[in-house]
Amino acid sequence: MNKFILHIVLSILNTFVAFNQINTEEILIKNDSIQLPGTLTFSAENQPLIIWVHGSGPIDRNGNQPAQNVKANYIQQFREAVNKEGIAFFSYDKRTANPKNSNFLKNTLVRDFALDAEEVVNHFKNDKRFSKIVLAGHSQGSLTAMLASKNVDKYISIAGAGETIDKTIVKQISKNNPTLGEAAKKQFDTLKIKGKIETVNPFLISVFLKRNQPFLLSWMEINPITEIKKLEIPVLILNGDKDIQVKIEDANALKSAKPNADFAIIKNMNHVLKTIEKEEDNLKSYFSPDFPISEELIKTVVSFVKK
């Protein structure tokens, strides 16, 4: 009995020590003129490394968008959780989150985000401190990470779309206004055929602003179903059943395209990876770091990364 108690005590102490010996490095990675400052954290050498690829918007390395008052801090919570499990983690400020990149963003297309991610992977691929590299793409980053995964060992899709972005946007608009949704579909059809939209529906200006059109076109031309089929590395597909932005059907579509992928629907997890018990807390969690990250998500990711 005494030996058993001693074993438990030592296990707790080892966990405590490991958590309190997290090494942190601030690293600046460049893709030509684009600056991608990020944070690397790890507790020991020979650990697997997760590199995070962001969703849409000007998201910083912690999962926040200060200008939009989005303060979910979900990437930082994810970092701390996997670090406790002996997994290294790197996330960087998306190119659109760094003011120093403002002069170079005018012609940014979706594949440019993938090139950024590739530069990050290239920075670490020969780093002998890490046993493997796992690329984890969240939301839009699910597609971006698919495109950037040629030099990594494993790939994780978290809340990734299972269709082209035009179909997703049309569905989102149609849910509240079917007539406007049909108008959006026609606008996308015009963009696909002509490469631009001369006359934008006044109720859809926020979507089809002239400066947005090249980026939208570059996005809708890439089908995640086609891209995930190309992957020859282990794949994990995840979605939350409280996600109000990306539906379970999207995860199912990705799984159908990649039948041998690991797959999980995380109970009570929303789009920003928080555990949501009450529906009124779903949107609130986007603007507060006080909601906990899903423990089931972390367990699923850790199991996949370590196996």
Protein backbone atom coordinates (compact mmCIF):
# COMPACT_ATOMS: atom_id res chain seq x y z
CA MET A 1 0.00 0.00 0.00
CA ASN A 2 2.82 2.40 0.89
CA LYS A 3 4.52 1.71 -2.43
CA PHE A 4 1.27 2.39 -4.23
CA ILE A 5 0.82 5.71 -2.42
CA LEU A 6 4.44 6.64 -3.16
CA HIS A 7 3.89 5.88 -6.85
CA ILE A 8 0.83 8.15 -6.94
CA VAL A 9 2.67 10.97 -5.17
CA LEU A 10 5.63 10.72 -7.54
CA SER A 11 3.32 10.73 -10.56
CA ILE A 12 1.63 13.90 -9.31
CA LEU A 13 4.99 15.54 -8.61
CA ASN A 14 6.30 14.62 -12.05
CA THR A 15 3.23 16.11 -13.69
CA PHE A 16 3.59 19.25 -11.58
CA VAL A 17 7.27 19.63 -12.41
CA ALA A 18 6.70 19.05 -16.13
CA PHE A 19 3.97 21.69 -16.21
CA ASN A 20 6.18 24.20 -14.43
CA GLN A 21 9.11 23.66 -16.78
CA ILE A 22 7.46 24.81 -19.96
CA ASN A 23 10.03 26.33 -22.31
CA THR A 24 8.80 29.31 -24.31
CA GLU A 25 10.40 30.74 -27.43
CA GLU A 26 9.20 33.75 -29.39
CA ILE A 27 9.97 33.09 -33.06
CA LEU A 28 9.61 35.30 -36.13
CA ILE A 29 9.02 33.39 -39.36
CA LYS A 30 8.90 35.20 -42.69
CA ASN A 31 7.25 34.41 -46.00
CA ASP A 32 9.05 36.96 -48.17
CA SER A 33 7.82 40.30 -46.77
CA ILE A 34 5.08 38.74 -44.65
CA GLN A 35 5.97 38.53 -40.96
CA LEU A 36 4.52 35.67 -38.90
CA PRO A 37 5.57 36.08 -35.26
CA GLY A 38 4.63 33.16 -33.07
CA THR A 39 5.13 31.33 -29.79
CA LEU A 40 6.64 27.88 -29.32
CA THR A 41 6.08 26.03 -26.05
CA PHE A 42 7.37 22.62 -24.97
CA SER A 43 8.44 20.88 -21.79
CA ALA A 44 11.07 18.44 -23.10
CA GLU A 45 12.83 17.35 -26.24
CA ASN A 46 11.62 14.49 -28.44
CA GLN A 47 8.01 15.59 -28.07
CA PRO A 48 5.55 15.72 -30.98
CA LEU A 49 4.88 19.27 -32.18
CA ILE A 50 1.45 20.59 -33.13
CA ILE A 51 1.46 23.59 -35.47
CA TRP A 52 -1.83 25.50 -35.47
CA VAL A 53 -3.37 26.91 -38.67
CA HIS A 54 -5.99 29.62 -38.12
CA GLY A 55 -9.54 30.04 -39.27
CA SER A 56 -10.89 33.09 -41.11
CA GLY A 57 -10.37 36.61 -39.85
CA PRO A 58 -7.41 38.51 -38.34
CA ILE A 59 -6.74 35.94 -35.61
CA ASP A 60 -3.69 36.18 -33.41
CA ARG A 61 -1.66 33.32 -31.99
CA ASN A 62 -3.95 33.04 -28.93
CA GLY A 63 -7.24 32.86 -30.82
CA ASN A 64 -8.31 36.47 -30.34
CA GLN A 65 -9.35 39.30 -32.65
CA PRO A 66 -9.03 42.51 -30.59
CA ALA A 67 -10.50 44.80 -33.26
CA GLN A 68 -13.67 42.65 -33.36
CA ASN A 69 -13.71 42.23 -29.57
CA VAL A 70 -13.29 38.46 -29.98
CA LYS A 71 -11.47 37.32 -26.85
CA ALA A 72 -12.15 33.61 -26.66
CA ASN A 73 -8.45 32.81 -26.11
CA TYR A 74 -9.14 29.28 -27.35
CA ILE A 75 -5.75 28.70 -29.01
CA GLN A 76 -3.93 29.66 -25.81
CA GLN A 77 -6.19 27.30 -23.84
CA PHE A 78 -5.48 24.55 -26.37
CA ARG A 79 -1.74 25.24 -26.05
CA GLU A 80 -1.76 24.95 -22.26
CA ALA A 81 -3.84 21.78 -22.35
CA VAL A 82 -1.62 19.89 -24.81
CA ASN A 83 1.57 21.14 -23.15
CA LYS A 84 0.38 19.46 -19.95
CA GLU A 85 0.17 16.20 -21.91
CA GLY A 86 3.76 16.37 -23.15
CA ILE A 87 3.03 17.83 -26.59
CA ALA A 88 4.85 20.86 -27.97
CA PHE A 89 2.82 23.61 -29.62
CA PHE A 90 3.41 26.49 -32.01
CA SER A 91 0.95 29.11 -33.15
CA TYR A 92 1.57 32.37 -34.96
CA ASP A 93 -0.23 35.61 -35.69
CA LYS A 94 -2.07 35.17 -38.96
CA ARG A 95 -0.78 37.50 -41.67
CA THR A 96 -4.00 39.54 -41.40
CA ALA A 97 -3.51 39.97 -37.64
CA ASN A 98 -0.09 41.60 -37.88
CA PRO A 99 -0.22 45.37 -38.67
CA LYS A 100 3.31 45.15 -40.10
CA ASN A 101 1.86 43.17 -43.02
CA SER A 102 -0.78 45.74 -43.96
CA ASN A 103 1.07 46.94 -47.07
CA PHE A 104 1.30 43.40 -48.45
CA LEU A 105 -2.25 42.12 -48.01
CA LYS A 106 -4.05 43.69 -50.95
CA ASN A 107 -3.72 40.71 -53.27
CA THR A 108 -3.80 37.94 -50.67
CA LEU A 109 -5.55 34.76 -51.80
CA VAL A 110 -6.39 31.58 -49.87
CA ARG A 111 -3.34 29.72 -51.14
CA ASP A 112 -1.15 32.48 -49.66
CA PHE A 113 -2.28 31.38 -46.20
CA ALA A 114 -1.14 27.88 -47.13
CA LEU A 115 2.24 29.23 -48.22
CA ASP A 116 2.55 30.91 -44.82
CA ALA A 117 1.82 27.59 -43.11
CA GLU A 118 4.36 25.85 -45.33
CA GLU A 119 7.04 28.33 -44.26
CA VAL A 120 6.22 27.59 -40.63
CA VAL A 121 6.47 23.84 -41.27
CA ASN A 122 9.78 24.33 -43.09
CA HIS A 123 11.13 26.19 -40.07
CA PHE A 124 10.54 23.20 -37.82
CA LYS A 125 10.84 20.17 -40.12
CA ASN A 126 14.56 19.67 -39.39
CA ASP A 127 14.35 20.64 -35.72
CA LYS A 128 15.63 17.52 -33.95
CA ARG A 129 13.95 18.53 -30.69
CA PHE A 130 10.60 17.28 -31.99
CA SER A 131 9.68 13.69 -32.82
CA LYS A 132 6.97 14.52 -35.37
CA ILE A 133 5.05 17.46 -36.79
CA VAL A 134 1.25 17.52 -36.70
CA LEU A 135 -0.63 20.23 -38.59
CA ALA A 136 -3.94 21.20 -36.95
CA GLY A 137 -6.24 23.36 -39.06
CA HIS A 138 -9.27 25.06 -37.53
CA SER A 139 -12.30 26.22 -39.57
CA GLN A 140 -10.88 27.90 -42.73
CA GLY A 141 -7.52 26.62 -41.50
CA SER A 142 -8.72 23.05 -42.06
CA LEU A 143 -8.54 23.67 -45.81
CA THR A 144 -5.37 25.77 -45.52
CA ALA A 145 -3.63 23.00 -43.58
CA MET A 146 -4.66 20.39 -46.16
CA LEU A 147 -2.85 22.45 -48.79
CA ALA A 148 0.25 22.85 -46.58
CA SER A 149 0.60 19.29 -45.27
CA LYS A 150 3.17 17.78 -47.65
CA ASN A 151 6.03 17.87 -45.12
CA VAL A 152 4.17 16.87 -41.95
CA ASP A 153 3.52 13.54 -40.26
CA LYS A 154 -0.15 13.90 -39.33
CA TYR A 155 -3.08 16.21 -40.07
CA ILE A 156 -6.04 17.29 -37.91
CA SER A 157 -9.17 19.00 -39.22
CA ILE A 158 -11.13 20.85 -36.51
CA ALA A 159 -14.49 22.32 -37.59
CA GLY A 160 -13.49 22.17 -41.24
CA ALA A 161 -15.96 22.71 -44.06
CA GLY A 162 -16.94 19.71 -46.16
CA GLU A 163 -17.87 21.74 -49.23
CA THR A 164 -16.74 24.80 -51.16
CA ILE A 165 -17.15 28.14 -49.40
CA ASP A 166 -19.82 29.45 -51.81
CA LYS A 167 -22.16 26.62 -50.83
CA THR A 168 -21.52 27.24 -47.14
CA ILE A 169 -22.22 30.98 -47.38
CA VAL A 170 -25.39 30.40 -49.43
CA LYS A 171 -26.66 27.96 -46.79
CA GLN A 172 -25.91 30.40 -43.98
CA ILE A 173 -27.76 33.23 -45.72
CA SER A 174 -30.67 31.01 -46.80
CA LYS A 175 -31.23 29.87 -43.24
CA ASN A 176 -32.43 33.37 -42.33
CA ASN A 177 -33.62 34.58 -45.73
CA PRO A 178 -34.22 32.03 -48.53
CA THR A 179 -34.77 34.74 -51.15
CA LEU A 180 -31.49 36.44 -50.29
CA GLY A 181 -29.80 33.06 -50.28
CA GLU A 182 -30.92 32.48 -53.87
CA ALA A 183 -29.58 35.93 -54.77
CA ALA A 184 -26.24 35.04 -53.17
CA LYS A 185 -26.08 31.84 -55.23
CA LYS A 186 -26.55 33.85 -58.43
CA GLN A 187 -23.80 36.25 -57.38
CA PHE A 188 -21.43 33.35 -56.77
CA ASP A 189 -22.35 31.85 -60.14
CA THR A 190 -21.47 35.15 -61.80
CA LEU A 191 -18.18 35.32 -59.93
CA LYS A 192 -17.33 31.77 -60.96
CA ILE A 193 -18.11 32.37 -64.65
CA LYS A 194 -16.88 35.93 -65.15
CA GLY A 195 -14.27 36.23 -62.40
CA LYS A 196 -15.94 39.34 -61.02
CA ILE A 197 -19.34 40.81 -60.15
CA GLU A 198 -20.09 44.18 -61.73
CA THR A 199 -23.45 44.77 -60.02
CA VAL A 200 -23.61 43.63 -56.42
CA ASN A 201 -26.95 43.09 -54.72
CA PRO A 202 -27.18 45.96 -52.20
CA PHE A 203 -28.19 43.52 -49.46
CA LEU A 204 -25.06 41.45 -50.09
CA ILE A 205 -22.45 44.20 -50.30
CA SER A 206 -20.72 43.05 -47.10
CA VAL A 207 -20.05 39.67 -48.75
CA PHE A 208 -19.30 40.71 -52.33
CA LEU A 209 -17.36 43.94 -51.91
CA LYS A 210 -15.16 44.46 -54.97
CA ARG A 211 -11.98 44.07 -52.92
CA ASN A 212 -13.30 40.75 -51.51
CA GLN A 213 -14.13 39.16 -54.85
CA PRO A 214 -10.65 37.85 -55.87
CA PHE A 215 -10.21 36.27 -52.44
CA LEU A 216 -13.68 34.70 -52.52
CA LEU A 217 -13.03 33.33 -55.99
CA SER A 218 -9.72 31.81 -54.89
CA TRP A 219 -11.47 30.21 -51.93
CA MET A 220 -14.47 28.77 -53.76
CA GLU A 221 -12.20 27.20 -56.39
CA ILE A 222 -10.67 24.87 -53.77
CA ASN A 223 -12.80 21.90 -52.75
CA PRO A 224 -11.89 20.36 -49.37
CA ILE A 225 -13.32 17.02 -50.49
CA THR A 226 -10.83 16.91 -53.35
CA GLU A 227 -7.93 18.05 -51.19
CA ILE A 228 -8.44 15.67 -48.28
CA LYS A 229 -8.43 12.70 -50.67
CA LYS A 230 -4.86 13.64 -51.64
CA LEU A 231 -3.51 13.23 -48.11
CA GLU A 232 -1.37 10.13 -47.54
CA ILE A 233 -0.73 10.73 -43.84
CA PRO A 234 -2.86 9.86 -40.78
CA VAL A 235 -5.90 12.15 -40.56
CA LEU A 236 -8.19 13.10 -37.68
CA ILE A 237 -11.51 14.83 -38.40
CA LEU A 238 -13.27 16.61 -35.52
CA ASN A 239 -16.38 18.73 -35.09
CA GLY A 240 -18.46 19.89 -32.14
CA ASP A 241 -22.17 19.21 -31.86
CA LYS A 242 -22.72 22.77 -30.57
CA ASP A 243 -20.95 24.39 -33.52
CA ILE A 244 -23.26 27.00 -35.07
CA GLN A 245 -20.87 27.84 -37.93
CA VAL A 246 -19.74 24.45 -39.25
CA LYS A 247 -22.16 21.56 -39.07
CA ILE A 248 -21.68 17.88 -38.31
CA GLU A 249 -22.66 17.23 -41.93
CA ASP A 250 -19.39 18.88 -42.98
CA ALA A 251 -17.37 16.50 -40.82
CA ASN A 252 -19.37 13.58 -42.21
CA ALA A 253 -18.59 14.72 -45.76
CA LEU A 254 -14.86 14.87 -45.01
CA LYS A 255 -15.02 11.43 -43.41
CA SER A 256 -16.80 10.00 -46.46
CA ALA A 257 -14.04 11.39 -48.64
CA LYS A 258 -11.37 9.94 -46.34
CA PRO A 259 -12.85 6.70 -44.94
CA ASN A 260 -9.69 5.63 -43.10
CA ALA A 261 -9.48 8.88 -41.11
CA ASP A 262 -9.99 8.93 -37.36
CA PHE A 263 -13.26 10.71 -36.62
CA ALA A 264 -15.05 12.20 -33.62
CA ILE A 265 -18.00 14.47 -32.92
CA ILE A 266 -17.23 16.25 -29.66
CA LYS A 267 -20.20 16.51 -27.33
CA ASN A 268 -21.12 20.06 -26.23
CA MET A 269 -18.20 21.68 -28.11
CA ASN A 270 -18.83 24.84 -30.11
CA HIS A 271 -16.87 26.52 -32.91
CA VAL A 272 -14.32 28.14 -30.61
CA LEU A 273 -13.71 24.77 -28.94
CA LYS A 274 -15.47 25.60 -25.68
CA THR A 275 -17.72 23.31 -23.67
CA ILE A 276 -21.22 24.81 -23.82
CA GLU A 277 -23.90 23.61 -21.43
CA LYS A 278 -26.46 26.36 -22.11
CA GLU A 279 -27.36 27.57 -25.59
CA GLU A 280 -27.29 31.22 -24.50
CA ASP A 281 -23.59 30.78 -23.69
CA ASN A 282 -22.63 29.75 -27.21
CA LEU A 283 -22.07 33.24 -28.63
CA LYS A 284 -20.97 34.60 -25.26
CA SER A 285 -18.00 32.24 -25.34
CA TYR A 286 -16.63 34.02 -28.44
CA PHE A 287 -16.08 37.15 -26.37
CA SER A 288 -14.81 35.73 -23.11
CA PRO A 289 -11.85 33.56 -22.09
CA ASP A 290 -13.76 32.30 -19.05
CA PHE A 291 -15.41 29.36 -20.79
CA PRO A 292 -13.34 26.14 -20.57
CA ILE A 293 -11.91 24.40 -23.60
CA SER A 294 -13.41 20.98 -24.30
CA GLU A 295 -11.63 18.27 -22.32
CA GLU A 296 -12.94 15.63 -24.72
CA LEU A 297 -11.33 17.54 -27.60
CA ILE A 298 -7.96 17.55 -25.86
CA LYS A 299 -8.17 13.83 -25.00
CA THR A 300 -9.03 12.96 -28.61
CA VAL A 301 -6.22 15.10 -30.05
CA VAL A 302 -3.62 13.81 -27.57
CA SER A 303 -4.53 10.20 -28.29
CA PHE A 304 -4.21 10.74 -32.06
CA VAL A 305 -0.95 12.68 -31.84
CA LYS A 306 0.78 10.17 -29.54
CA LYS A 307 -0.24 6.94 -31.24
